[in-house]
Amino acid sequence: MVAFAGGTGVVVGKNTIVTNKHIAKSDDIFKIRVSAHHSSKGKGGGNYDVKDIVEYPGKEDLAIVHVHETSTEGLNFNKNVSYAKFADGAKSKDRISVIGYPKGAQTKYKMFESTGTINHINGTFMEFDAYAQPGNSGSPVLNSKNELVGILYAGSGKDESEKNFGVYFTPKLKEFIQNNIEK
């Protein structure tokens, strides 16, 4: 996973991150902080310049961000991240986790996880009860096998009982993502 100034993203392939359109349009998108293996090396995974952004042409809040392979510190992006595996599908009442970097700079880019259950899926829309905070936009929504079901795009945000919303990865959305992974 990676942390943007105002959100989170999930790595899906070579130099390729999935996040929300509203995160990719941020003024601070030109630098992202990759938070990979903090404890194993005692430092972060580097800061990478954005190469380009590909927005999903539909209404879904989904964008692909490509980064340059080498960080400003000389680190290799693909050696400092893991690629998420896509789930075959999901349904109501499935257990999920939302993992991301809420309030990035305020929390020193510490990763937080919340768990919950999918309440409802309708097309590419997903509602769930896992708690989300500002900065969790773009966070992966993972099933119990740690496979990617979708990404968070909005939360009602007042307390843990509130509803939160994600983009559910239908076969069509997965195809869009796969077709935009850097070769």
N, C-alpha and C. Protein backbone atom coordinates (compact mmCIF):
# COMPACT_ATOMS: atom_id res chain seq x y z
N MET A 1 0.83 -1.18 0.00
CA MET A 1 0.00 0.00 0.00
C MET A 1 0.87 1.24 0.00
N VAL A 2 0.29 2.32 -0.42
CA VAL A 2 0.98 3.59 -0.43
C VAL A 2 0.10 4.64 0.23
N ALA A 3 0.76 5.67 0.73
CA ALA A 3 0.03 6.78 1.33
C ALA A 3 0.21 8.02 0.47
N PHE A 4 -0.90 8.60 0.08
CA PHE A 4 -0.90 9.90 -0.57
C PHE A 4 -1.05 10.95 0.54
N ALA A 5 -0.88 12.22 0.19
CA ALA A 5 -1.05 13.28 1.19
C ALA A 5 -2.45 13.23 1.81
N GLY A 6 -3.46 12.89 1.02
CA GLY A 6 -4.82 12.90 1.55
C GLY A 6 -5.55 11.59 1.43
N GLY A 7 -4.83 10.50 1.27
CA GLY A 7 -5.51 9.22 1.11
C GLY A 7 -4.54 8.06 1.02
N THR A 8 -5.08 6.95 0.56
CA THR A 8 -4.35 5.70 0.49
C THR A 8 -4.50 5.13 -0.91
N GLY A 9 -3.61 4.25 -1.28
CA GLY A 9 -3.71 3.52 -2.54
C GLY A 9 -3.21 2.11 -2.35
N VAL A 10 -3.57 1.24 -3.28
CA VAL A 10 -3.15 -0.15 -3.21
C VAL A 10 -2.40 -0.50 -4.50
N VAL A 11 -1.27 -1.17 -4.34
CA VAL A 11 -0.43 -1.53 -5.47
C VAL A 11 -0.99 -2.81 -6.10
N VAL A 12 -1.19 -2.77 -7.42
CA VAL A 12 -1.77 -3.92 -8.12
C VAL A 12 -0.84 -4.50 -9.18
N GLY A 13 0.29 -3.87 -9.42
CA GLY A 13 1.23 -4.37 -10.41
C GLY A 13 2.40 -3.43 -10.54
N LYS A 14 3.26 -3.72 -11.51
CA LYS A 14 4.48 -2.95 -11.72
C LYS A 14 4.18 -1.45 -11.80
N ASN A 15 4.73 -0.70 -10.86
CA ASN A 15 4.61 0.77 -10.82
C ASN A 15 3.16 1.26 -10.89
N THR A 16 2.20 0.44 -10.49
CA THR A 16 0.78 0.73 -10.69
C THR A 16 0.01 0.68 -9.38
N ILE A 17 -0.71 1.77 -9.10
CA ILE A 17 -1.48 1.93 -7.87
C ILE A 17 -2.94 2.21 -8.24
N VAL A 18 -3.86 1.63 -7.48
CA VAL A 18 -5.29 1.94 -7.62
C VAL A 18 -5.68 2.79 -6.42
N THR A 19 -6.40 3.87 -6.70
CA THR A 19 -6.92 4.75 -5.65
C THR A 19 -8.22 5.37 -6.16
N ASN A 20 -8.67 6.41 -5.51
CA ASN A 20 -9.88 7.12 -5.93
C ASN A 20 -9.53 8.28 -6.85
N LYS A 21 -10.48 8.64 -7.72
CA LYS A 21 -10.30 9.82 -8.57
C LYS A 21 -10.07 11.05 -7.71
N HIS A 22 -10.85 11.18 -6.62
CA HIS A 22 -10.73 12.39 -5.81
C HIS A 22 -9.38 12.47 -5.09
N ILE A 23 -8.70 11.36 -4.91
CA ILE A 23 -7.34 11.38 -4.35
C ILE A 23 -6.34 11.70 -5.46
N ALA A 24 -6.52 11.10 -6.63
CA ALA A 24 -5.60 11.32 -7.75
C ALA A 24 -5.64 12.76 -8.24
N LYS A 25 -6.74 13.47 -8.01
CA LYS A 25 -6.84 14.87 -8.44
C LYS A 25 -6.26 15.84 -7.41
N SER A 26 -5.79 15.32 -6.30
CA SER A 26 -5.26 16.15 -5.22
C SER A 26 -4.07 16.97 -5.70
N ASP A 27 -3.90 18.15 -5.14
CA ASP A 27 -2.76 19.00 -5.48
C ASP A 27 -1.43 18.37 -5.09
N ASP A 28 -1.43 17.49 -4.12
CA ASP A 28 -0.19 16.91 -3.63
C ASP A 28 0.15 15.58 -4.30
N ILE A 29 -0.52 15.24 -5.38
CA ILE A 29 -0.34 13.93 -6.01
C ILE A 29 1.06 13.76 -6.61
N PHE A 30 1.78 14.83 -6.83
CA PHE A 30 3.06 14.71 -7.52
C PHE A 30 4.14 14.07 -6.66
N LYS A 31 3.88 13.89 -5.40
CA LYS A 31 4.77 13.10 -4.53
C LYS A 31 3.88 12.18 -3.72
N ILE A 32 4.22 10.91 -3.70
CA ILE A 32 3.52 9.99 -2.82
C ILE A 32 4.54 9.37 -1.89
N ARG A 33 4.08 9.00 -0.75
CA ARG A 33 4.96 8.32 0.19
C ARG A 33 4.57 6.85 0.20
N VAL A 34 5.52 6.03 -0.14
CA VAL A 34 5.30 4.59 -0.12
C VAL A 34 5.72 4.09 1.24
N SER A 35 4.79 3.50 1.93
CA SER A 35 5.09 2.97 3.26
C SER A 35 5.20 1.46 3.14
N ALA A 36 6.44 0.99 2.99
CA ALA A 36 6.65 -0.44 2.78
C ALA A 36 7.71 -0.94 3.74
N HIS A 37 7.36 -1.94 4.52
CA HIS A 37 8.33 -2.63 5.38
C HIS A 37 9.07 -1.67 6.31
N HIS A 38 8.32 -0.82 6.99
CA HIS A 38 8.94 0.13 7.92
C HIS A 38 9.87 -0.55 8.92
N SER A 39 9.38 -1.58 9.56
CA SER A 39 10.14 -2.16 10.66
C SER A 39 11.34 -2.97 10.19
N SER A 40 11.30 -3.52 8.98
CA SER A 40 12.40 -4.37 8.54
C SER A 40 13.63 -3.57 8.15
N LYS A 41 13.45 -2.34 7.71
CA LYS A 41 14.60 -1.54 7.29
C LYS A 41 14.79 -0.29 8.15
N GLY A 42 13.84 -0.03 9.00
CA GLY A 42 13.94 1.14 9.86
C GLY A 42 13.62 2.44 9.14
N LYS A 43 13.17 2.37 7.90
CA LYS A 43 12.80 3.57 7.16
C LYS A 43 11.69 3.21 6.19
N GLY A 44 11.11 4.20 5.58
CA GLY A 44 10.02 3.96 4.65
C GLY A 44 10.52 3.43 3.32
N GLY A 45 9.58 3.15 2.45
CA GLY A 45 9.90 2.59 1.15
C GLY A 45 10.17 3.61 0.08
N GLY A 46 10.25 4.88 0.43
CA GLY A 46 10.64 5.91 -0.54
C GLY A 46 9.50 6.80 -0.98
N ASN A 47 9.88 7.90 -1.62
CA ASN A 47 8.94 8.86 -2.19
C ASN A 47 9.08 8.81 -3.70
N TYR A 48 7.98 8.57 -4.39
CA TYR A 48 8.00 8.33 -5.82
C TYR A 48 7.23 9.40 -6.57
N ASP A 49 7.80 9.87 -7.69
CA ASP A 49 7.12 10.84 -8.55
C ASP A 49 6.07 10.13 -9.38
N VAL A 50 4.94 10.79 -9.57
CA VAL A 50 3.86 10.25 -10.39
C VAL A 50 4.21 10.45 -11.86
N LYS A 51 4.03 9.37 -12.62
CA LYS A 51 4.28 9.41 -14.06
C LYS A 51 3.02 9.85 -14.81
N ASP A 52 1.89 9.21 -14.49
CA ASP A 52 0.62 9.60 -15.11
C ASP A 52 -0.55 9.04 -14.30
N ILE A 53 -1.73 9.55 -14.62
CA ILE A 53 -2.97 9.14 -13.94
C ILE A 53 -3.98 8.75 -15.02
N VAL A 54 -4.63 7.60 -14.83
CA VAL A 54 -5.67 7.14 -15.75
C VAL A 54 -6.95 7.02 -14.93
N GLU A 55 -7.91 7.91 -15.19
CA GLU A 55 -9.18 7.86 -14.47
C GLU A 55 -10.13 6.89 -15.16
N TYR A 56 -10.89 6.15 -14.35
CA TYR A 56 -11.92 5.28 -14.91
C TYR A 56 -12.95 6.17 -15.59
N PRO A 57 -13.36 5.84 -16.83
CA PRO A 57 -14.26 6.74 -17.56
C PRO A 57 -15.70 6.75 -17.05
N GLY A 58 -16.08 5.84 -16.18
CA GLY A 58 -17.43 5.82 -15.64
C GLY A 58 -17.58 6.68 -14.41
N LYS A 59 -18.72 6.55 -13.74
CA LYS A 59 -19.03 7.36 -12.55
C LYS A 59 -18.25 6.90 -11.31
N GLU A 60 -17.73 5.68 -11.34
CA GLU A 60 -17.04 5.13 -10.18
C GLU A 60 -15.81 5.96 -9.82
N ASP A 61 -15.59 6.13 -8.53
CA ASP A 61 -14.47 6.93 -8.00
C ASP A 61 -13.21 6.06 -8.00
N LEU A 62 -12.66 5.84 -9.19
CA LEU A 62 -11.55 4.91 -9.38
C LEU A 62 -10.54 5.50 -10.34
N ALA A 63 -9.27 5.42 -9.96
CA ALA A 63 -8.19 5.90 -10.82
C ALA A 63 -6.97 5.01 -10.67
N ILE A 64 -6.19 4.96 -11.73
CA ILE A 64 -4.91 4.25 -11.75
C ILE A 64 -3.82 5.32 -11.72
N VAL A 65 -2.84 5.14 -10.86
CA VAL A 65 -1.70 6.05 -10.78
C VAL A 65 -0.44 5.23 -11.10
N HIS A 66 0.32 5.71 -12.09
CA HIS A 66 1.61 5.08 -12.40
C HIS A 66 2.71 5.96 -11.82
N VAL A 67 3.68 5.32 -11.20
CA VAL A 67 4.81 6.04 -10.61
C VAL A 67 6.10 5.65 -11.31
N HIS A 68 7.09 6.53 -11.19
CA HIS A 68 8.43 6.19 -11.68
C HIS A 68 9.01 5.11 -10.78
N GLU A 69 9.76 4.21 -11.36
CA GLU A 69 10.23 3.03 -10.62
C GLU A 69 11.25 3.37 -9.54
N THR A 70 12.02 4.42 -9.72
CA THR A 70 13.06 4.77 -8.76
C THR A 70 12.64 5.98 -7.94
N SER A 71 12.78 5.85 -6.62
CA SER A 71 12.38 6.94 -5.71
C SER A 71 13.43 8.04 -5.69
N THR A 72 13.07 9.14 -5.06
CA THR A 72 14.01 10.25 -4.90
C THR A 72 15.20 9.84 -4.05
N GLU A 73 15.04 8.76 -3.27
CA GLU A 73 16.13 8.25 -2.42
C GLU A 73 16.91 7.12 -3.10
N GLY A 74 16.53 6.79 -4.35
CA GLY A 74 17.22 5.72 -5.07
C GLY A 74 16.67 4.33 -4.83
N LEU A 75 15.51 4.22 -4.20
CA LEU A 75 14.90 2.91 -3.92
C LEU A 75 14.05 2.46 -5.11
N ASN A 76 13.89 1.15 -5.26
CA ASN A 76 13.08 0.58 -6.33
C ASN A 76 11.67 0.33 -5.81
N PHE A 77 10.68 0.95 -6.45
CA PHE A 77 9.29 0.83 -6.03
C PHE A 77 8.85 -0.62 -5.90
N ASN A 78 9.11 -1.41 -6.92
CA ASN A 78 8.60 -2.78 -6.98
C ASN A 78 9.28 -3.72 -6.00
N LYS A 79 10.42 -3.33 -5.46
CA LYS A 79 11.09 -4.14 -4.44
C LYS A 79 10.64 -3.74 -3.03
N ASN A 80 9.90 -2.64 -2.91
CA ASN A 80 9.47 -2.14 -1.61
C ASN A 80 7.97 -2.26 -1.37
N VAL A 81 7.28 -2.92 -2.28
CA VAL A 81 5.83 -3.10 -2.15
C VAL A 81 5.45 -4.53 -2.49
N SER A 82 4.23 -4.90 -2.12
CA SER A 82 3.65 -6.17 -2.53
C SER A 82 2.44 -5.87 -3.40
N TYR A 83 2.17 -6.72 -4.36
CA TYR A 83 1.02 -6.53 -5.23
C TYR A 83 -0.20 -7.23 -4.63
N ALA A 84 -1.31 -6.54 -4.63
CA ALA A 84 -2.56 -7.12 -4.12
C ALA A 84 -3.11 -8.13 -5.12
N LYS A 85 -3.72 -9.16 -4.60
CA LYS A 85 -4.38 -10.18 -5.42
C LYS A 85 -5.88 -9.89 -5.41
N PHE A 86 -6.52 -9.98 -6.58
CA PHE A 86 -7.95 -9.71 -6.68
C PHE A 86 -8.76 -10.91 -6.20
N ALA A 87 -9.84 -10.63 -5.49
CA ALA A 87 -10.79 -11.66 -5.08
C ALA A 87 -11.66 -12.04 -6.28
N ASP A 88 -12.16 -13.25 -6.27
CA ASP A 88 -13.07 -13.68 -7.33
C ASP A 88 -14.42 -12.97 -7.22
N GLY A 89 -14.79 -12.58 -6.02
CA GLY A 89 -16.06 -11.90 -5.80
C GLY A 89 -16.29 -11.70 -4.31
N ALA A 90 -17.46 -11.20 -3.98
CA ALA A 90 -17.85 -10.98 -2.58
C ALA A 90 -19.37 -10.92 -2.52
N LYS A 91 -19.89 -11.02 -1.31
CA LYS A 91 -21.34 -10.94 -1.13
C LYS A 91 -21.66 -10.33 0.24
N SER A 92 -22.90 -9.98 0.43
CA SER A 92 -23.34 -9.44 1.71
C SER A 92 -23.00 -10.41 2.83
N LYS A 93 -22.66 -9.85 3.96
CA LYS A 93 -22.30 -10.56 5.19
C LYS A 93 -20.88 -11.13 5.18
N ASP A 94 -20.12 -10.96 4.08
CA ASP A 94 -18.71 -11.37 4.08
C ASP A 94 -17.93 -10.47 5.03
N ARG A 95 -16.99 -11.05 5.76
CA ARG A 95 -16.10 -10.29 6.64
C ARG A 95 -15.04 -9.59 5.78
N ILE A 96 -14.73 -8.34 6.14
CA ILE A 96 -13.74 -7.57 5.39
C ILE A 96 -12.83 -6.80 6.34
N SER A 97 -11.72 -6.35 5.78
CA SER A 97 -10.80 -5.44 6.47
C SER A 97 -10.57 -4.24 5.57
N VAL A 98 -10.44 -3.07 6.17
CA VAL A 98 -10.04 -1.86 5.47
C VAL A 98 -8.72 -1.44 6.09
N ILE A 99 -7.69 -1.33 5.26
CA ILE A 99 -6.35 -1.02 5.76
C ILE A 99 -5.85 0.23 5.04
N GLY A 100 -5.40 1.22 5.79
CA GLY A 100 -4.92 2.43 5.15
C GLY A 100 -4.19 3.35 6.09
N TYR A 101 -3.98 4.56 5.60
CA TYR A 101 -3.21 5.58 6.31
C TYR A 101 -4.09 6.80 6.59
N PRO A 102 -5.02 6.70 7.54
CA PRO A 102 -5.86 7.87 7.83
C PRO A 102 -5.02 9.00 8.41
N LYS A 103 -5.35 10.20 7.99
CA LYS A 103 -4.67 11.40 8.50
C LYS A 103 -3.16 11.24 8.39
N GLY A 104 -2.69 10.84 7.22
CA GLY A 104 -1.29 10.51 6.93
C GLY A 104 -0.22 11.20 7.75
N ALA A 105 0.02 12.49 7.51
CA ALA A 105 1.11 13.19 8.19
C ALA A 105 0.86 13.30 9.69
N GLN A 106 -0.40 13.45 10.10
CA GLN A 106 -0.72 13.57 11.53
C GLN A 106 -0.41 12.30 12.29
N THR A 107 -0.55 11.15 11.62
CA THR A 107 -0.29 9.87 12.28
C THR A 107 1.07 9.30 11.90
N LYS A 108 1.91 10.13 11.28
CA LYS A 108 3.25 9.73 10.83
C LYS A 108 3.19 8.52 9.91
N TYR A 109 2.15 8.49 9.09
CA TYR A 109 1.96 7.45 8.08
C TYR A 109 1.95 6.05 8.67
N LYS A 110 1.34 5.93 9.83
CA LYS A 110 1.15 4.61 10.43
C LYS A 110 -0.08 3.97 9.79
N MET A 111 0.02 2.68 9.56
CA MET A 111 -1.07 1.94 8.95
C MET A 111 -2.08 1.53 10.01
N PHE A 112 -3.37 1.70 9.69
CA PHE A 112 -4.44 1.30 10.58
C PHE A 112 -5.37 0.34 9.85
N GLU A 113 -5.91 -0.60 10.61
CA GLU A 113 -6.84 -1.58 10.04
C GLU A 113 -8.14 -1.57 10.85
N SER A 114 -9.25 -1.66 10.15
CA SER A 114 -10.53 -1.88 10.82
C SER A 114 -11.23 -3.04 10.11
N THR A 115 -12.05 -3.73 10.86
CA THR A 115 -12.74 -4.89 10.30
C THR A 115 -14.24 -4.69 10.38
N GLY A 116 -14.94 -5.41 9.56
CA GLY A 116 -16.39 -5.31 9.56
C GLY A 116 -16.99 -6.31 8.60
N THR A 117 -18.19 -5.97 8.15
CA THR A 117 -18.97 -6.86 7.30
C THR A 117 -19.54 -6.06 6.14
N ILE A 118 -19.60 -6.69 4.98
CA ILE A 118 -20.28 -6.07 3.84
C ILE A 118 -21.78 -6.10 4.12
N ASN A 119 -22.41 -4.94 4.05
CA ASN A 119 -23.86 -4.85 4.24
C ASN A 119 -24.62 -5.08 2.95
N HIS A 120 -24.05 -4.56 1.85
CA HIS A 120 -24.81 -4.55 0.60
C HIS A 120 -23.85 -4.34 -0.57
N ILE A 121 -24.09 -5.05 -1.67
CA ILE A 121 -23.38 -4.81 -2.94
C ILE A 121 -24.45 -4.66 -4.02
N ASN A 122 -24.31 -3.60 -4.81
CA ASN A 122 -25.21 -3.37 -5.93
C ASN A 122 -24.37 -2.86 -7.10
N GLY A 123 -24.07 -3.73 -8.05
CA GLY A 123 -23.20 -3.35 -9.16
C GLY A 123 -21.81 -3.06 -8.65
N THR A 124 -21.34 -1.84 -8.87
CA THR A 124 -20.00 -1.45 -8.40
C THR A 124 -20.05 -0.73 -7.05
N PHE A 125 -21.23 -0.63 -6.46
CA PHE A 125 -21.41 0.05 -5.17
C PHE A 125 -21.37 -0.98 -4.05
N MET A 126 -20.62 -0.66 -3.00
CA MET A 126 -20.51 -1.55 -1.85
C MET A 126 -20.68 -0.72 -0.57
N GLU A 127 -21.50 -1.21 0.34
CA GLU A 127 -21.67 -0.57 1.65
C GLU A 127 -21.21 -1.57 2.70
N PHE A 128 -20.47 -1.06 3.70
CA PHE A 128 -19.96 -1.94 4.76
C PHE A 128 -19.86 -1.17 6.06
N ASP A 129 -19.63 -1.91 7.16
CA ASP A 129 -19.60 -1.26 8.48
C ASP A 129 -18.20 -1.19 9.09
N ALA A 130 -17.15 -1.54 8.35
CA ALA A 130 -15.79 -1.34 8.87
C ALA A 130 -15.54 0.15 9.00
N TYR A 131 -15.00 0.56 10.13
CA TYR A 131 -14.80 1.98 10.44
C TYR A 131 -13.78 2.60 9.50
N ALA A 132 -14.03 3.81 9.05
CA ALA A 132 -13.12 4.55 8.19
C ALA A 132 -13.00 5.98 8.69
N GLN A 133 -11.82 6.56 8.47
CA GLN A 133 -11.54 7.93 8.87
C GLN A 133 -11.09 8.73 7.66
N PRO A 134 -11.03 10.07 7.77
CA PRO A 134 -10.45 10.85 6.68
C PRO A 134 -9.03 10.35 6.39
N GLY A 135 -8.72 10.20 5.12
CA GLY A 135 -7.42 9.65 4.72
C GLY A 135 -7.50 8.18 4.38
N ASN A 136 -8.61 7.54 4.73
CA ASN A 136 -8.80 6.14 4.34
C ASN A 136 -9.31 6.00 2.90
N SER A 137 -9.69 7.10 2.26
CA SER A 137 -10.13 7.00 0.87
C SER A 137 -9.04 6.33 0.05
N GLY A 138 -9.44 5.40 -0.79
CA GLY A 138 -8.49 4.65 -1.62
C GLY A 138 -7.94 3.41 -0.94
N SER A 139 -8.28 3.22 0.33
CA SER A 139 -7.80 2.04 1.07
C SER A 139 -8.39 0.77 0.48
N PRO A 140 -7.59 -0.29 0.44
CA PRO A 140 -8.13 -1.55 -0.04
C PRO A 140 -9.17 -2.11 0.92
N VAL A 141 -10.20 -2.71 0.35
CA VAL A 141 -11.18 -3.49 1.09
C VAL A 141 -10.83 -4.95 0.77
N LEU A 142 -10.42 -5.69 1.80
CA LEU A 142 -9.91 -7.05 1.63
C LEU A 142 -10.85 -8.06 2.25
N ASN A 143 -10.95 -9.24 1.63
CA ASN A 143 -11.74 -10.31 2.22
C ASN A 143 -10.91 -11.06 3.26
N SER A 144 -11.46 -12.12 3.81
CA SER A 144 -10.77 -12.86 4.88
C SER A 144 -9.52 -13.58 4.40
N LYS A 145 -9.32 -13.67 3.08
CA LYS A 145 -8.10 -14.26 2.52
C LYS A 145 -7.10 -13.18 2.12
N ASN A 146 -7.35 -11.94 2.52
CA ASN A 146 -6.54 -10.77 2.16
C ASN A 146 -6.51 -10.52 0.66
N GLU A 147 -7.61 -10.84 -0.01
CA GLU A 147 -7.75 -10.57 -1.44
C GLU A 147 -8.56 -9.29 -1.62
N LEU A 148 -8.23 -8.56 -2.67
CA LEU A 148 -8.82 -7.25 -2.93
C LEU A 148 -10.24 -7.38 -3.48
N VAL A 149 -11.20 -6.83 -2.73
CA VAL A 149 -12.61 -6.83 -3.10
C VAL A 149 -12.98 -5.49 -3.75
N GLY A 150 -12.34 -4.40 -3.29
CA GLY A 150 -12.63 -3.07 -3.79
C GLY A 150 -11.80 -2.05 -3.05
N ILE A 151 -12.19 -0.77 -3.17
CA ILE A 151 -11.52 0.30 -2.42
C ILE A 151 -12.57 1.20 -1.79
N LEU A 152 -12.22 1.74 -0.64
CA LEU A 152 -13.09 2.67 0.07
C LEU A 152 -13.10 4.01 -0.66
N TYR A 153 -14.28 4.64 -0.77
CA TYR A 153 -14.30 5.99 -1.34
C TYR A 153 -14.97 7.02 -0.44
N ALA A 154 -15.75 6.60 0.54
CA ALA A 154 -16.41 7.58 1.40
C ALA A 154 -16.85 6.92 2.70
N GLY A 155 -16.90 7.73 3.72
CA GLY A 155 -17.40 7.25 5.00
C GLY A 155 -18.33 8.27 5.59
N SER A 156 -19.25 7.79 6.41
CA SER A 156 -20.13 8.72 7.09
C SER A 156 -19.43 9.34 8.28
N GLY A 157 -18.41 8.64 8.79
CA GLY A 157 -17.38 9.21 9.62
C GLY A 157 -17.61 9.64 11.04
N LYS A 158 -18.78 9.51 11.65
CA LYS A 158 -18.93 10.04 13.00
C LYS A 158 -18.58 9.02 14.07
N ASP A 159 -18.93 7.78 13.88
CA ASP A 159 -18.57 6.75 14.85
C ASP A 159 -18.53 5.40 14.16
N GLU A 160 -18.15 4.38 14.90
CA GLU A 160 -17.96 3.06 14.31
C GLU A 160 -19.24 2.42 13.81
N SER A 161 -20.39 2.88 14.21
CA SER A 161 -21.64 2.28 13.76
C SER A 161 -22.10 2.85 12.42
N GLU A 162 -21.43 3.85 11.93
CA GLU A 162 -21.83 4.49 10.69
C GLU A 162 -21.52 3.61 9.48
N LYS A 163 -22.16 3.92 8.36
CA LYS A 163 -21.95 3.18 7.12
C LYS A 163 -20.80 3.81 6.34
N ASN A 164 -20.07 2.96 5.64
CA ASN A 164 -18.98 3.41 4.78
C ASN A 164 -19.16 2.78 3.41
N PHE A 165 -18.54 3.38 2.40
CA PHE A 165 -18.86 3.01 1.03
C PHE A 165 -17.60 2.75 0.22
N GLY A 166 -17.71 1.80 -0.69
CA GLY A 166 -16.57 1.45 -1.52
C GLY A 166 -16.97 1.19 -2.95
N VAL A 167 -15.95 1.17 -3.80
CA VAL A 167 -16.10 0.74 -5.18
C VAL A 167 -15.84 -0.76 -5.18
N TYR A 168 -16.84 -1.54 -5.55
CA TYR A 168 -16.71 -2.99 -5.63
C TYR A 168 -16.13 -3.35 -6.99
N PHE A 169 -15.11 -4.20 -6.99
CA PHE A 169 -14.44 -4.56 -8.23
C PHE A 169 -15.18 -5.68 -8.97
N THR A 170 -16.05 -5.26 -9.87
CA THR A 170 -16.74 -6.19 -10.76
C THR A 170 -15.74 -6.69 -11.81
N PRO A 171 -16.10 -7.72 -12.57
CA PRO A 171 -15.19 -8.17 -13.64
C PRO A 171 -14.80 -7.04 -14.60
N LYS A 172 -15.73 -6.14 -14.91
CA LYS A 172 -15.44 -5.02 -15.82
C LYS A 172 -14.40 -4.08 -15.21
N LEU A 173 -14.52 -3.76 -13.92
CA LEU A 173 -13.54 -2.88 -13.28
C LEU A 173 -12.19 -3.58 -13.16
N LYS A 174 -12.19 -4.87 -12.84
CA LYS A 174 -10.92 -5.61 -12.76
C LYS A 174 -10.24 -5.63 -14.13
N GLU A 175 -11.01 -5.76 -15.19
CA GLU A 175 -10.44 -5.74 -16.54
C GLU A 175 -9.81 -4.38 -16.83
N PHE A 176 -10.49 -3.29 -16.47
CA PHE A 176 -9.93 -1.95 -16.65
C PHE A 176 -8.60 -1.82 -15.91
N ILE A 177 -8.57 -2.28 -14.68
CA ILE A 177 -7.34 -2.19 -13.88
C ILE A 177 -6.24 -3.03 -14.52
N GLN A 178 -6.55 -4.29 -14.85
CA GLN A 178 -5.55 -5.18 -15.46
C GLN A 178 -5.00 -4.60 -16.75
N ASN A 179 -5.86 -3.99 -17.56
CA ASN A 179 -5.42 -3.41 -18.84
C ASN A 179 -4.54 -2.18 -18.65
N ASN A 180 -4.55 -1.60 -17.46
CA ASN A 180 -3.75 -0.40 -17.21
C ASN A 180 -2.56 -0.64 -16.29
N ILE A 181 -2.26 -1.89 -15.99
CA ILE A 181 -1.04 -2.19 -15.24
C ILE A 181 0.14 -2.03 -16.18
N GLU A 182 1.15 -1.31 -15.71
CA GLU A 182 2.33 -1.07 -16.53
C GLU A 182 2.99 -2.38 -16.90
N LYS A 183 3.38 -2.50 -18.14
CA LYS A 183 4.04 -3.73 -18.63
C LYS A 183 5.54 -3.67 -18.42
